Amino acid sequence: MNKIHTEKAPAAVGPYSQAVVSGGMVYTSGQIAINPSTNTIEAVTIEEQTEQVMQNLKAVLEASGSSFEKAVKTTCFLADMNDFGVFNEIYGRNFTSLPARSCVAVKTLPQNVLVEVEIIAEV
């Protein structure tokens, strides 16, 4: 098992890794809209937050030797399912390989963000 860390994505804020590679697969932790340069949430809208989440995920996947194209499964969490259309449009631009996906609305996400996404991908 190989634990992944990159400065191009937010550091883990608890006892977990940004991702773990095991058995030829990478399992990312959920990414939220923290800007790794400032370690703060600057994005306000669902569009801005989703774009930042995608940048963070791309950095973690690249550090793992993977990419969006190798994604097998994603799990997506939205604070408000009314944001699904906007989220889905941005998601679709990044996940052109059409991995399996679950998308659920949750009561609250860390730091009161609007979106969180985790990925399982091949390396």
PDB file of N, CA and C in Angstrom:
ATOM      1  N   MET A   1       0.855  -1.178   0.000  1.00  0.00           N
ATOM      2  CA  MET A   1       0.000   0.000   0.000  1.00  0.00           C
ATOM      3  C   MET A   1       0.898   1.237   0.000  1.00  0.00           C
ATOM      4  N   ASN A   2       0.589   2.177  -0.871  1.00  0.00           N
ATOM      5  CA  ASN A   2       1.372   3.396  -1.014  1.00  0.00           C
ATOM      6  C   ASN A   2       0.484   4.602  -0.712  1.00  0.00           C
ATOM      7  N   LYS A   3       0.842   5.375   0.291  1.00  0.00           N
ATOM      8  CA  LYS A   3       0.084   6.583   0.634  1.00  0.00           C
ATOM      9  C   LYS A   3       0.559   7.727  -0.245  1.00  0.00           C
ATOM     10  N   ILE A   4      -0.398   8.499  -0.773  1.00  0.00           N
ATOM     11  CA  ILE A   4      -0.101   9.580  -1.714  1.00  0.00           C
ATOM     12  C   ILE A   4      -0.224  10.925  -1.021  1.00  0.00           C
ATOM     13  N   HIS A   5       0.744  11.800  -1.329  1.00  0.00           N
ATOM     14  CA  HIS A   5       0.680  13.187  -0.865  1.00  0.00           C
ATOM     15  C   HIS A   5       1.245  14.090  -1.948  1.00  0.00           C
ATOM     16  N   THR A   6       0.530  15.147  -2.268  1.00  0.00           N
ATOM     17  CA  THR A   6       1.011  16.162  -3.194  1.00  0.00           C
ATOM     18  C   THR A   6       0.687  17.539  -2.630  1.00  0.00           C
ATOM     19  N   GLU A   7       1.605  18.461  -2.849  1.00  0.00           N
ATOM     20  CA  GLU A   7       1.391  19.856  -2.432  1.00  0.00           C
ATOM     21  C   GLU A   7       0.396  20.560  -3.360  1.00  0.00           C
ATOM     22  N   LYS A   8       0.057  19.927  -4.489  1.00  0.00           N
ATOM     23  CA  LYS A   8      -0.850  20.536  -5.464  1.00  0.00           C
ATOM     24  C   LYS A   8      -2.314  20.330  -5.111  1.00  0.00           C
ATOM     25  N   ALA A   9      -2.566  19.675  -3.986  1.00  0.00           N
ATOM     26  CA  ALA A   9      -3.925  19.466  -3.478  1.00  0.00           C
ATOM     27  C   ALA A   9      -3.894  19.770  -1.983  1.00  0.00           C
ATOM     28  N   PRO A  10      -5.063  20.040  -1.400  1.00  0.00           N
ATOM     29  CA  PRO A  10      -5.084  20.346   0.030  1.00  0.00           C
ATOM     30  C   PRO A  10      -4.527  19.201   0.866  1.00  0.00           C
ATOM     31  N   ALA A  11      -3.775  19.545   1.892  1.00  0.00           N
ATOM     32  CA  ALA A  11      -3.255  18.544   2.821  1.00  0.00           C
ATOM     33  C   ALA A  11      -4.412  17.924   3.593  1.00  0.00           C
ATOM     34  N   ALA A  12      -4.243  16.689   3.994  1.00  0.00           N
ATOM     35  CA  ALA A  12      -5.241  16.029   4.833  1.00  0.00           C
ATOM     36  C   ALA A  12      -5.342  16.800   6.151  1.00  0.00           C
ATOM     37  N   VAL A  13      -6.555  16.999   6.615  1.00  0.00           N
ATOM     38  CA  VAL A  13      -6.766  17.753   7.854  1.00  0.00           C
ATOM     39  C   VAL A  13      -7.119  16.828   9.015  1.00  0.00           C
ATOM     40  N   GLY A  14      -6.776  15.582   8.882  1.00  0.00           N
ATOM     41  CA  GLY A  14      -7.055  14.585   9.915  1.00  0.00           C
ATOM     42  C   GLY A  14      -6.174  13.377   9.688  1.00  0.00           C
ATOM     43  N   PRO A  15      -6.480  12.296  10.375  1.00  0.00           N
ATOM     44  CA  PRO A  15      -5.662  11.079  10.257  1.00  0.00           C
ATOM     45  C   PRO A  15      -6.029  10.249   9.018  1.00  0.00           C
ATOM     46  N   TYR A  16      -5.757  10.809   7.840  1.00  0.00           N
ATOM     47  CA  TYR A  16      -6.023  10.106   6.586  1.00  0.00           C
ATOM     48  C   TYR A  16      -5.057  10.613   5.520  1.00  0.00           C
ATOM     49  N   SER A  17      -4.997   9.921   4.394  1.00  0.00           N
ATOM     50  CA  SER A  17      -4.142  10.290   3.270  1.00  0.00           C
ATOM     51  C   SER A  17      -4.982  10.922   2.173  1.00  0.00           C
ATOM     52  N   GLN A  18      -4.338  11.708   1.315  1.00  0.00           N
ATOM     53  CA  GLN A  18      -5.042  12.253   0.160  1.00  0.00           C
ATOM     54  C   GLN A  18      -5.540  11.128  -0.739  1.00  0.00           C
ATOM     55  N   ALA A  19      -4.755  10.062  -0.804  1.00  0.00           N
ATOM     56  CA  ALA A  19      -5.126   8.881  -1.581  1.00  0.00           C
ATOM     57  C   ALA A  19      -4.237   7.725  -1.150  1.00  0.00           C
ATOM     58  N   VAL A  20      -4.669   6.520  -1.510  1.00  0.00           N
ATOM     59  CA  VAL A  20      -3.888   5.313  -1.263  1.00  0.00           C
ATOM     60  C   VAL A  20      -3.918   4.487  -2.542  1.00  0.00           C
ATOM     61  N   VAL A  21      -2.745   3.999  -2.935  1.00  0.00           N
ATOM     62  CA  VAL A  21      -2.649   3.091  -4.079  1.00  0.00           C
ATOM     63  C   VAL A  21      -2.441   1.689  -3.535  1.00  0.00           C
ATOM     64  N   SER A  22      -3.287   0.768  -3.988  1.00  0.00           N
ATOM     65  CA  SER A  22      -3.194  -0.622  -3.547  1.00  0.00           C
ATOM     66  C   SER A  22      -3.762  -1.510  -4.641  1.00  0.00           C
ATOM     67  N   GLY A  23      -3.067  -2.604  -4.944  1.00  0.00           N
ATOM     68  CA  GLY A  23      -3.577  -3.566  -5.917  1.00  0.00           C
ATOM     69  C   GLY A  23      -3.855  -2.982  -7.282  1.00  0.00           C
ATOM     70  N   GLY A  24      -3.066  -2.010  -7.715  1.00  0.00           N
ATOM     71  CA  GLY A  24      -3.261  -1.425  -9.037  1.00  0.00           C
ATOM     72  C   GLY A  24      -4.393  -0.419  -9.124  1.00  0.00           C
ATOM     73  N   MET A  25      -4.944  -0.044  -7.975  1.00  0.00           N
ATOM     74  CA  MET A  25      -6.040   0.925  -7.930  1.00  0.00           C
ATOM     75  C   MET A  25      -5.656   2.077  -7.008  1.00  0.00           C
ATOM     76  N   VAL A  26      -6.192   3.256  -7.295  1.00  0.00           N
ATOM     77  CA  VAL A  26      -6.034   4.404  -6.412  1.00  0.00           C
ATOM     78  C   VAL A  26      -7.403   4.748  -5.836  1.00  0.00           C
ATOM     79  N   TYR A  27      -7.412   4.986  -4.540  1.00  0.00           N
ATOM     80  CA  TYR A  27      -8.614   5.355  -3.802  1.00  0.00           C
ATOM     81  C   TYR A  27      -8.372   6.738  -3.223  1.00  0.00           C
ATOM     82  N   THR A  28      -9.069   7.753  -3.750  1.00  0.00           N
ATOM     83  CA  THR A  28      -8.852   9.103  -3.241  1.00  0.00           C
ATOM     84  C   THR A  28      -9.759   9.358  -2.050  1.00  0.00           C
ATOM     85  N   SER A  29      -9.283  10.209  -1.169  1.00  0.00           N
ATOM     86  CA  SER A  29     -10.162  10.743  -0.134  1.00  0.00           C
ATOM     87  C   SER A  29     -11.053  11.773  -0.802  1.00  0.00           C
ATOM     88  N   GLY A  30     -12.151  12.085  -0.179  1.00  0.00           N
ATOM     89  CA  GLY A  30     -13.034  13.107  -0.726  1.00  0.00           C
ATOM     90  C   GLY A  30     -12.324  14.443  -0.786  1.00  0.00           C
ATOM     91  N   GLN A  31     -12.493  15.133  -1.903  1.00  0.00           N
ATOM     92  CA  GLN A  31     -11.890  16.454  -2.058  1.00  0.00           C
ATOM     93  C   GLN A  31     -12.987  17.508  -2.013  1.00  0.00           C
ATOM     94  N   ILE A  32     -12.692  18.574  -1.273  1.00  0.00           N
ATOM     95  CA  ILE A  32     -13.591  19.724  -1.226  1.00  0.00           C
ATOM     96  C   ILE A  32     -12.865  20.910  -1.852  1.00  0.00           C
ATOM     97  N   ALA A  33     -13.496  22.062  -1.876  1.00  0.00           N
ATOM     98  CA  ALA A  33     -12.998  23.215  -2.630  1.00  0.00           C
ATOM     99  C   ALA A  33     -11.966  24.049  -1.875  1.00  0.00           C
ATOM    100  N   ILE A  34     -11.009  23.399  -1.254  1.00  0.00           N
ATOM    101  CA  ILE A  34      -9.923  24.135  -0.606  1.00  0.00           C
ATOM    102  C   ILE A  34      -8.861  24.428  -1.664  1.00  0.00           C
ATOM    103  N   ASN A  35      -8.450  25.682  -1.745  1.00  0.00           N
ATOM    104  CA  ASN A  35      -7.370  26.067  -2.640  1.00  0.00           C
ATOM    105  C   ASN A  35      -6.060  25.675  -1.960  1.00  0.00           C
ATOM    106  N   PRO A  36      -5.270  24.764  -2.558  1.00  0.00           N
ATOM    107  CA  PRO A  36      -4.053  24.308  -1.890  1.00  0.00           C
ATOM    108  C   PRO A  36      -2.996  25.397  -1.727  1.00  0.00           C
ATOM    109  N   SER A  37      -3.049  26.461  -2.529  1.00  0.00           N
ATOM    110  CA  SER A  37      -2.083  27.555  -2.418  1.00  0.00           C
ATOM    111  C   SER A  37      -2.279  28.364  -1.146  1.00  0.00           C
ATOM    112  N   THR A  38      -3.544  28.539  -0.778  1.00  0.00           N
ATOM    113  CA  THR A  38      -3.850  29.377   0.384  1.00  0.00           C
ATOM    114  C   THR A  38      -4.402  28.575   1.555  1.00  0.00           C
ATOM    115  N   ASN A  39      -4.731  27.309   1.303  1.00  0.00           N
ATOM    116  CA  ASN A  39      -5.339  26.424   2.300  1.00  0.00           C
ATOM    117  C   ASN A  39      -6.659  26.986   2.828  1.00  0.00           C
ATOM    118  N   THR A  40      -7.382  27.696   1.958  1.00  0.00           N
ATOM    119  CA  THR A  40      -8.677  28.262   2.325  1.00  0.00           C
ATOM    120  C   THR A  40      -9.700  27.958   1.237  1.00  0.00           C
ATOM    121  N   ILE A  41     -10.948  28.130   1.594  1.00  0.00           N
ATOM    122  CA  ILE A  41     -12.033  27.983   0.618  1.00  0.00           C
ATOM    123  C   ILE A  41     -12.352  29.371   0.089  1.00  0.00           C
ATOM    124  N   GLU A  42     -11.980  29.608  -1.153  1.00  0.00           N
ATOM    125  CA  GLU A  42     -12.207  30.908  -1.783  1.00  0.00           C
ATOM    126  C   GLU A  42     -13.429  30.872  -2.694  1.00  0.00           C
ATOM    127  N   ALA A  43     -13.728  29.696  -3.213  1.00  0.00           N
ATOM    128  CA  ALA A  43     -14.850  29.522  -4.138  1.00  0.00           C
ATOM    129  C   ALA A  43     -16.155  29.604  -3.369  1.00  0.00           C
ATOM    130  N   VAL A  44     -17.125  30.326  -3.921  1.00  0.00           N
ATOM    131  CA  VAL A  44     -18.404  30.529  -3.254  1.00  0.00           C
ATOM    132  C   VAL A  44     -19.536  29.780  -3.945  1.00  0.00           C
ATOM    133  N   THR A  45     -19.604  29.860  -5.263  1.00  0.00           N
ATOM    134  CA  THR A  45     -20.715  29.262  -5.999  1.00  0.00           C
ATOM    135  C   THR A  45     -20.467  27.775  -6.233  1.00  0.00           C
ATOM    136  N   ILE A  46     -21.507  27.065  -6.596  1.00  0.00           N
ATOM    137  CA  ILE A  46     -21.359  25.642  -6.916  1.00  0.00           C
ATOM    138  C   ILE A  46     -20.424  25.458  -8.106  1.00  0.00           C
ATOM    139  N   GLU A  47     -20.472  26.375  -9.078  1.00  0.00           N
ATOM    140  CA  GLU A  47     -19.576  26.292 -10.225  1.00  0.00           C
ATOM    141  C   GLU A  47     -18.123  26.403  -9.785  1.00  0.00           C
ATOM    142  N   GLU A  48     -17.816  27.426  -9.008  1.00  0.00           N
ATOM    143  CA  GLU A  48     -16.446  27.656  -8.547  1.00  0.00           C
ATOM    144  C   GLU A  48     -15.953  26.506  -7.673  1.00  0.00           C
ATOM    145  N   GLN A  49     -16.812  26.033  -6.778  1.00  0.00           N
ATOM    146  CA  GLN A  49     -16.404  24.952  -5.893  1.00  0.00           C
ATOM    147  C   GLN A  49     -16.175  23.658  -6.664  1.00  0.00           C
ATOM    148  N   THR A  50     -17.036  23.355  -7.611  1.00  0.00           N
ATOM    149  CA  THR A  50     -16.869  22.132  -8.395  1.00  0.00           C
ATOM    150  C   THR A  50     -15.581  22.197  -9.208  1.00  0.00           C
ATOM    151  N   GLU A  51     -15.284  23.338  -9.802  1.00  0.00           N
ATOM    152  CA  GLU A  51     -14.035  23.491 -10.564  1.00  0.00           C
ATOM    153  C   GLU A  51     -12.822  23.272  -9.661  1.00  0.00           C
ATOM    154  N   GLN A  52     -12.840  23.815  -8.425  1.00  0.00           N
ATOM    155  CA  GLN A  52     -11.715  23.634  -7.514  1.00  0.00           C
ATOM    156  C   GLN A  52     -11.587  22.174  -7.093  1.00  0.00           C
ATOM    157  N   VAL A  53     -12.715  21.523  -6.837  1.00  0.00           N
ATOM    158  CA  VAL A  53     -12.691  20.101  -6.488  1.00  0.00           C
ATOM    159  C   VAL A  53     -12.050  19.300  -7.620  1.00  0.00           C
ATOM    160  N   MET A  54     -12.419  19.599  -8.860  1.00  0.00           N
ATOM    161  CA  MET A  54     -11.848  18.873 -10.005  1.00  0.00           C
ATOM    162  C   MET A  54     -10.347  19.115 -10.111  1.00  0.00           C
ATOM    163  N   GLN A  55      -9.879  20.338  -9.870  1.00  0.00           N
ATOM    164  CA  GLN A  55      -8.439  20.620  -9.883  1.00  0.00           C
ATOM    165  C   GLN A  55      -7.728  19.814  -8.797  1.00  0.00           C
ATOM    166  N   ASN A  56      -8.322  19.759  -7.607  1.00  0.00           N
ATOM    167  CA  ASN A  56      -7.719  19.010  -6.505  1.00  0.00           C
ATOM    168  C   ASN A  56      -7.656  17.517  -6.820  1.00  0.00           C
ATOM    169  N   LEU A  57      -8.739  16.981  -7.359  1.00  0.00           N
ATOM    170  CA  LEU A  57      -8.767  15.561  -7.705  1.00  0.00           C
ATOM    171  C   LEU A  57      -7.753  15.241  -8.799  1.00  0.00           C
ATOM    172  N   LYS A  58      -7.660  16.104  -9.789  1.00  0.00           N
ATOM    173  CA  LYS A  58      -6.693  15.892 -10.873  1.00  0.00           C
ATOM    174  C   LYS A  58      -5.276  15.824 -10.307  1.00  0.00           C
ATOM    175  N   ALA A  59      -4.949  16.710  -9.373  1.00  0.00           N
ATOM    176  CA  ALA A  59      -3.607  16.721  -8.774  1.00  0.00           C
ATOM    177  C   ALA A  59      -3.336  15.441  -7.993  1.00  0.00           C
ATOM    178  N   VAL A  60      -4.318  14.967  -7.237  1.00  0.00           N
ATOM    179  CA  VAL A  60      -4.147  13.730  -6.457  1.00  0.00           C
ATOM    180  C   VAL A  60      -4.012  12.534  -7.391  1.00  0.00           C
ATOM    181  N   LEU A  61      -4.848  12.485  -8.415  1.00  0.00           N
ATOM    182  CA  LEU A  61      -4.749  11.382  -9.377  1.00  0.00           C
ATOM    183  C   LEU A  61      -3.398  11.374 -10.083  1.00  0.00           C
ATOM    184  N   GLU A  62      -2.936  12.531 -10.517  1.00  0.00           N
ATOM    185  CA  GLU A  62      -1.637  12.599 -11.196  1.00  0.00           C
ATOM    186  C   GLU A  62      -0.514  12.154 -10.269  1.00  0.00           C
ATOM    187  N   ALA A  63      -0.564  12.565  -8.999  1.00  0.00           N
ATOM    188  CA  ALA A  63       0.457  12.149  -8.028  1.00  0.00           C
ATOM    189  C   ALA A  63       0.418  10.640  -7.800  1.00  0.00           C
ATOM    190  N   SER A  64      -0.720  10.036  -8.076  1.00  0.00           N
ATOM    191  CA  SER A  64      -0.900   8.592  -7.917  1.00  0.00           C
ATOM    192  C   SER A  64      -0.538   7.813  -9.167  1.00  0.00           C
ATOM    193  N   GLY A  65      -0.251   8.522 -10.249  1.00  0.00           N
ATOM    194  CA  GLY A  65       0.024   7.861 -11.522  1.00  0.00           C
ATOM    195  C   GLY A  65      -1.242   7.529 -12.288  1.00  0.00           C
ATOM    196  N   SER A  66      -2.308   8.258 -12.014  1.00  0.00           N
ATOM    197  CA  SER A  66      -3.588   7.983 -12.649  1.00  0.00           C
ATOM    198  C   SER A  66      -4.138   9.258 -13.281  1.00  0.00           C
ATOM    199  N   SER A  67      -5.396   9.201 -13.697  1.00  0.00           N
ATOM    200  CA  SER A  67      -6.043  10.350 -14.335  1.00  0.00           C
ATOM    201  C   SER A  67      -7.557  10.153 -14.314  1.00  0.00           C
ATOM    202  N   PHE A  68      -8.279  11.194 -14.696  1.00  0.00           N
ATOM    203  CA  PHE A  68      -9.735  11.097 -14.805  1.00  0.00           C
ATOM    204  C   PHE A  68     -10.140   9.976 -15.770  1.00  0.00           C
ATOM    205  N   GLU A  69      -9.351   9.792 -16.839  1.00  0.00           N
ATOM    206  CA  GLU A  69      -9.684   8.785 -17.849  1.00  0.00           C
ATOM    207  C   GLU A  69      -9.638   7.363 -17.290  1.00  0.00           C
ATOM    208  N   LYS A  70      -8.912   7.166 -16.194  1.00  0.00           N
ATOM    209  CA  LYS A  70      -8.792   5.843 -15.597  1.00  0.00           C
ATOM    210  C   LYS A  70      -9.763   5.635 -14.434  1.00  0.00           C
ATOM    211  N   ALA A  71     -10.652   6.599 -14.217  1.00  0.00           N
ATOM    212  CA  ALA A  71     -11.626   6.490 -13.125  1.00  0.00           C
ATOM    213  C   ALA A  71     -12.588   5.341 -13.382  1.00  0.00           C
ATOM    214  N   VAL A  72     -12.824   4.550 -12.343  1.00  0.00           N
ATOM    215  CA  VAL A  72     -13.742   3.419 -12.406  1.00  0.00           C
ATOM    216  C   VAL A  72     -15.058   3.772 -11.718  1.00  0.00           C
ATOM    217  N   LYS A  73     -14.968   4.497 -10.601  1.00  0.00           N
ATOM    218  CA  LYS A  73     -16.155   4.819  -9.789  1.00  0.00           C
ATOM    219  C   LYS A  73     -15.934   6.134  -9.085  1.00  0.00           C
ATOM    220  N   THR A  74     -16.955   6.974  -9.057  1.00  0.00           N
ATOM    221  CA  THR A  74     -16.913   8.204  -8.276  1.00  0.00           C
ATOM    222  C   THR A  74     -18.086   8.203  -7.301  1.00  0.00           C
ATOM    223  N   THR A  75     -17.866   8.872  -6.199  1.00  0.00           N
ATOM    224  CA  THR A  75     -18.942   9.120  -5.245  1.00  0.00           C
ATOM    225  C   THR A  75     -18.978  10.624  -5.032  1.00  0.00           C
ATOM    226  N   CYS A  76     -20.135  11.209  -5.254  1.00  0.00           N
ATOM    227  CA  CYS A  76     -20.298  12.661  -5.220  1.00  0.00           C
ATOM    228  C   CYS A  76     -21.321  13.033  -4.155  1.00  0.00           C
ATOM    229  N   PHE A  77     -20.990  14.061  -3.413  1.00  0.00           N
ATOM    230  CA  PHE A  77     -21.856  14.532  -2.340  1.00  0.00           C
ATOM    231  C   PHE A  77     -22.196  15.992  -2.597  1.00  0.00           C
ATOM    232  N   LEU A  78     -23.479  16.310  -2.592  1.00  0.00           N
ATOM    233  CA  LEU A  78     -23.936  17.686  -2.774  1.00  0.00           C
ATOM    234  C   LEU A  78     -24.691  18.134  -1.536  1.00  0.00           C
ATOM    235  N   ALA A  79     -24.493  19.372  -1.151  1.00  0.00           N
ATOM    236  CA  ALA A  79     -25.243  19.927  -0.027  1.00  0.00           C
ATOM    237  C   ALA A  79     -26.687  20.202  -0.430  1.00  0.00           C
ATOM    238  N   ASP A  80     -26.920  20.401  -1.721  1.00  0.00           N
ATOM    239  CA  ASP A  80     -28.259  20.715  -2.216  1.00  0.00           C
ATOM    240  C   ASP A  80     -28.432  20.072  -3.593  1.00  0.00           C
ATOM    241  N   MET A  81     -29.339  19.138  -3.726  1.00  0.00           N
ATOM    242  CA  MET A  81     -29.549  18.447  -4.993  1.00  0.00           C
ATOM    243  C   MET A  81     -30.040  19.407  -6.087  1.00  0.00           C
ATOM    244  N   ASN A  82     -30.500  20.586  -5.723  1.00  0.00           N
ATOM    245  CA  ASN A  82     -30.852  21.583  -6.730  1.00  0.00           C
ATOM    246  C   ASN A  82     -29.626  22.055  -7.509  1.00  0.00           C
ATOM    247  N   ASP A  83     -28.427  21.810  -6.984  1.00  0.00           N
ATOM    248  CA  ASP A  83     -27.184  22.163  -7.668  1.00  0.00           C
ATOM    249  C   ASP A  83     -26.726  21.082  -8.639  1.00  0.00           C
ATOM    250  N   PHE A  84     -27.481  19.990  -8.748  1.00  0.00           N
ATOM    251  CA  PHE A  84     -27.047  18.851  -9.545  1.00  0.00           C
ATOM    252  C   PHE A  84     -26.766  19.206 -11.002  1.00  0.00           C
ATOM    253  N   GLY A  85     -27.619  19.976 -11.635  1.00  0.00           N
ATOM    254  CA  GLY A  85     -27.444  20.303 -13.051  1.00  0.00           C
ATOM    255  C   GLY A  85     -26.125  21.002 -13.327  1.00  0.00           C
ATOM    256  N   VAL A  86     -25.813  22.000 -12.536  1.00  0.00           N
ATOM    257  CA  VAL A  86     -24.564  22.745 -12.703  1.00  0.00           C
ATOM    258  C   VAL A  86     -23.376  21.838 -12.395  1.00  0.00           C
ATOM    259  N   PHE A  87     -23.453  21.099 -11.276  1.00  0.00           N
ATOM    260  CA  PHE A  87     -22.391  20.168 -10.912  1.00  0.00           C
ATOM    261  C   PHE A  87     -22.181  19.147 -12.027  1.00  0.00           C
ATOM    262  N   ASN A  88     -23.250  18.571 -12.545  1.00  0.00           N
ATOM    263  CA  ASN A  88     -23.181  17.520 -13.544  1.00  0.00           C
ATOM    264  C   ASN A  88     -22.524  18.003 -14.834  1.00  0.00           C
ATOM    265  N   GLU A  89     -22.774  19.249 -15.221  1.00  0.00           N
ATOM    266  CA  GLU A  89     -22.164  19.802 -16.431  1.00  0.00           C
ATOM    267  C   GLU A  89     -20.638  19.856 -16.289  1.00  0.00           C
ATOM    268  N   ILE A  90     -20.152  20.345 -15.155  1.00  0.00           N
ATOM    269  CA  ILE A  90     -18.705  20.443 -14.920  1.00  0.00           C
ATOM    270  C   ILE A  90     -18.109  19.048 -14.760  1.00  0.00           C
ATOM    271  N   TYR A  91     -18.793  18.189 -14.029  1.00  0.00           N
ATOM    272  CA  TYR A  91     -18.354  16.803 -13.851  1.00  0.00           C
ATOM    273  C   TYR A  91     -18.185  16.137 -15.219  1.00  0.00           C
ATOM    274  N   GLY A  92     -19.149  16.310 -16.091  1.00  0.00           N
ATOM    275  CA  GLY A  92     -19.130  15.681 -17.408  1.00  0.00           C
ATOM    276  C   GLY A  92     -17.978  16.127 -18.280  1.00  0.00           C
ATOM    277  N   ARG A  93     -17.521  17.364 -18.119  1.00  0.00           N
ATOM    278  CA  ARG A  93     -16.361  17.851 -18.877  1.00  0.00           C
ATOM    279  C   ARG A  93     -15.076  17.161 -18.425  1.00  0.00           C
ATOM    280  N   ASN A  94     -15.036  16.716 -17.180  1.00  0.00           N
ATOM    281  CA  ASN A  94     -13.839  16.096 -16.630  1.00  0.00           C
ATOM    282  C   ASN A  94     -13.851  14.575 -16.746  1.00  0.00           C
ATOM    283  N   PHE A  95     -14.999  13.967 -16.582  1.00  0.00           N
ATOM    284  CA  PHE A  95     -15.108  12.505 -16.591  1.00  0.00           C
ATOM    285  C   PHE A  95     -15.700  12.024 -17.908  1.00  0.00           C
ATOM    286  N   THR A  96     -14.947  12.226 -18.985  1.00  0.00           N
ATOM    287  CA  THR A  96     -15.431  11.840 -20.311  1.00  0.00           C
ATOM    288  C   THR A  96     -15.425  10.331 -20.514  1.00  0.00           C
ATOM    289  N   SER A  97     -14.737   9.586 -19.632  1.00  0.00           N
ATOM    290  CA  SER A  97     -14.715   8.122 -19.752  1.00  0.00           C
ATOM    291  C   SER A  97     -15.960   7.470 -19.141  1.00  0.00           C
ATOM    292  N   LEU A  98     -16.827   8.261 -18.541  1.00  0.00           N
ATOM    293  CA  LEU A  98     -18.107   7.815 -17.994  1.00  0.00           C
ATOM    294  C   LEU A  98     -17.977   6.687 -16.959  1.00  0.00           C
ATOM    295  N   PRO A  99     -17.256   6.938 -15.848  1.00  0.00           N
ATOM    296  CA  PRO A  99     -17.161   5.911 -14.807  1.00  0.00           C
ATOM    297  C   PRO A  99     -18.511   5.721 -14.113  1.00  0.00           C
ATOM    298  N   ALA A 100     -18.629   4.625 -13.375  1.00  0.00           N
ATOM    299  CA  ALA A 100     -19.824   4.446 -12.540  1.00  0.00           C
ATOM    300  C   ALA A 100     -19.847   5.587 -11.526  1.00  0.00           C
ATOM    301  N   ARG A 101     -21.043   5.967 -11.071  1.00  0.00           N
ATOM    302  CA  ARG A 101     -21.140   7.115 -10.171  1.00  0.00           C
ATOM    303  C   ARG A 101     -22.318   6.965  -9.231  1.00  0.00           C
ATOM    304  N   SER A 102     -22.113   7.427  -8.016  1.00  0.00           N
ATOM    305  CA  SER A 102     -23.207   7.667  -7.073  1.00  0.00           C
ATOM    306  C   SER A 102     -23.176   9.151  -6.762  1.00  0.00           C
ATOM    307  N   CYS A 103     -24.337   9.760  -6.640  1.00  0.00           N
ATOM    308  CA  CYS A 103     -24.411  11.178  -6.285  1.00  0.00           C
ATOM    309  C   CYS A 103     -25.567  11.348  -5.311  1.00  0.00           C
ATOM    310  N   VAL A 104     -25.244  11.825  -4.129  1.00  0.00           N
ATOM    311  CA  VAL A 104     -26.261  11.961  -3.104  1.00  0.00           C
ATOM    312  C   VAL A 104     -26.219  13.349  -2.482  1.00  0.00           C
ATOM    313  N   ALA A 105     -27.343  13.781  -1.966  1.00  0.00           N
ATOM    314  CA  ALA A 105     -27.404  15.012  -1.185  1.00  0.00           C
ATOM    315  C   ALA A 105     -27.197  14.645   0.275  1.00  0.00           C
ATOM    316  N   VAL A 106     -26.440  15.462   0.958  1.00  0.00           N
ATOM    317  CA  VAL A 106     -26.155  15.246   2.372  1.00  0.00           C
ATOM    318  C   VAL A 106     -26.520  16.501   3.148  1.00  0.00           C
ATOM    319  N   LYS A 107     -26.739  16.340   4.417  1.00  0.00           N
ATOM    320  CA  LYS A 107     -27.156  17.478   5.236  1.00  0.00           C
ATOM    321  C   LYS A 107     -26.071  18.542   5.334  1.00  0.00           C
ATOM    322  N   THR A 108     -24.842  18.121   5.628  1.00  0.00           N
ATOM    323  CA  THR A 108     -23.735  19.063   5.789  1.00  0.00           C
ATOM    324  C   THR A 108     -22.441  18.416   5.326  1.00  0.00           C
ATOM    325  N   LEU A 109     -21.602  19.196   4.681  1.00  0.00           N
ATOM    326  CA  LEU A 109     -20.278  18.745   4.268  1.00  0.00           C
ATOM    327  C   LEU A 109     -19.221  19.495   5.078  1.00  0.00           C
ATOM    328  N   PRO A 110     -17.999  18.981   5.118  1.00  0.00           N
ATOM    329  CA  PRO A 110     -16.945  19.652   5.877  1.00  0.00           C
ATOM    330  C   PRO A 110     -16.810  21.129   5.474  1.00  0.00           C
ATOM    331  N   GLN A 111     -16.620  21.966   6.449  1.00  0.00           N
ATOM    332  CA  GLN A 111     -16.455  23.404   6.260  1.00  0.00           C
ATOM    333  C   GLN A 111     -17.614  24.031   5.503  1.00  0.00           C
ATOM    334  N   ASN A 112     -18.768  23.389   5.552  1.00  0.00           N
ATOM    335  CA  ASN A 112     -19.989  23.884   4.916  1.00  0.00           C
ATOM    336  C   ASN A 112     -19.849  24.128   3.416  1.00  0.00           C
ATOM    337  N   VAL A 113     -19.014  23.315   2.744  1.00  0.00           N
ATOM    338  CA  VAL A 113     -18.897  23.438   1.297  1.00  0.00           C
ATOM    339  C   VAL A 113     -20.143  22.882   0.626  1.00  0.00           C
ATOM    340  N   LEU A 114     -20.234  23.106  -0.663  1.00  0.00           N
ATOM    341  CA  LEU A 114     -21.403  22.679  -1.438  1.00  0.00           C
ATOM    342  C   LEU A 114     -21.230  21.334  -2.114  1.00  0.00           C
ATOM    343  N   VAL A 115     -19.957  20.869  -2.267  1.00  0.00           N
ATOM    344  CA  VAL A 115     -19.691  19.651  -3.024  1.00  0.00           C
ATOM    345  C   VAL A 115     -18.433  18.952  -2.505  1.00  0.00           C
ATOM    346  N   GLU A 116     -18.454  17.621  -2.563  1.00  0.00           N
ATOM    347  CA  GLU A 116     -17.286  16.797  -2.267  1.00  0.00           C
ATOM    348  C   GLU A 116     -17.323  15.602  -3.211  1.00  0.00           C
ATOM    349  N   VAL A 117     -16.144  15.196  -3.712  1.00  0.00           N
ATOM    350  CA  VAL A 117     -16.077  14.076  -4.649  1.00  0.00           C
ATOM    351  C   VAL A 117     -14.878  13.189  -4.280  1.00  0.00           C
ATOM    352  N   GLU A 118     -15.097  11.867  -4.343  1.00  0.00           N
ATOM    353  CA  GLU A 118     -14.012  10.906  -4.174  1.00  0.00           C
ATOM    354  C   GLU A 118     -14.012   9.977  -5.384  1.00  0.00           C
ATOM    355  N   ILE A 119     -12.843   9.365  -5.654  1.00  0.00           N
ATOM    356  CA  ILE A 119     -12.683   8.552  -6.861  1.00  0.00           C
ATOM    357  C   ILE A 119     -11.954   7.256  -6.552  1.00  0.00           C
ATOM    358  N   ILE A 120     -12.350   6.208  -7.259  1.00  0.00           N
ATOM    359  CA  ILE A 120     -11.573   4.968  -7.345  1.00  0.00           C
ATOM    360  C   ILE A 120     -11.162   4.867  -8.810  1.00  0.00           C
ATOM    361  N   ALA A 121      -9.847   4.698  -9.060  1.00  0.00           N
ATOM    362  CA  ALA A 121      -9.348   4.673 -10.431  1.00  0.00           C
ATOM    363  C   ALA A 121      -8.225   3.653 -10.566  1.00  0.00           C
ATOM    364  N   GLU A 122      -7.983   3.220 -11.784  1.00  0.00           N
ATOM    365  CA  GLU A 122      -6.831   2.386 -12.097  1.00  0.00           C
ATOM    366  C   GLU A 122      -5.579   3.247 -12.128  1.00  0.00           C
ATOM    367  N   VAL A 123      -4.442   2.648 -11.802  1.00  0.00           N
ATOM    368  CA  VAL A 123      -3.176   3.391 -11.919  1.00  0.00           C
ATOM    369  C   VAL A 123      -2.490   3.013 -13.211  1.00  0.00           C
TER     370      VAL A 123
END
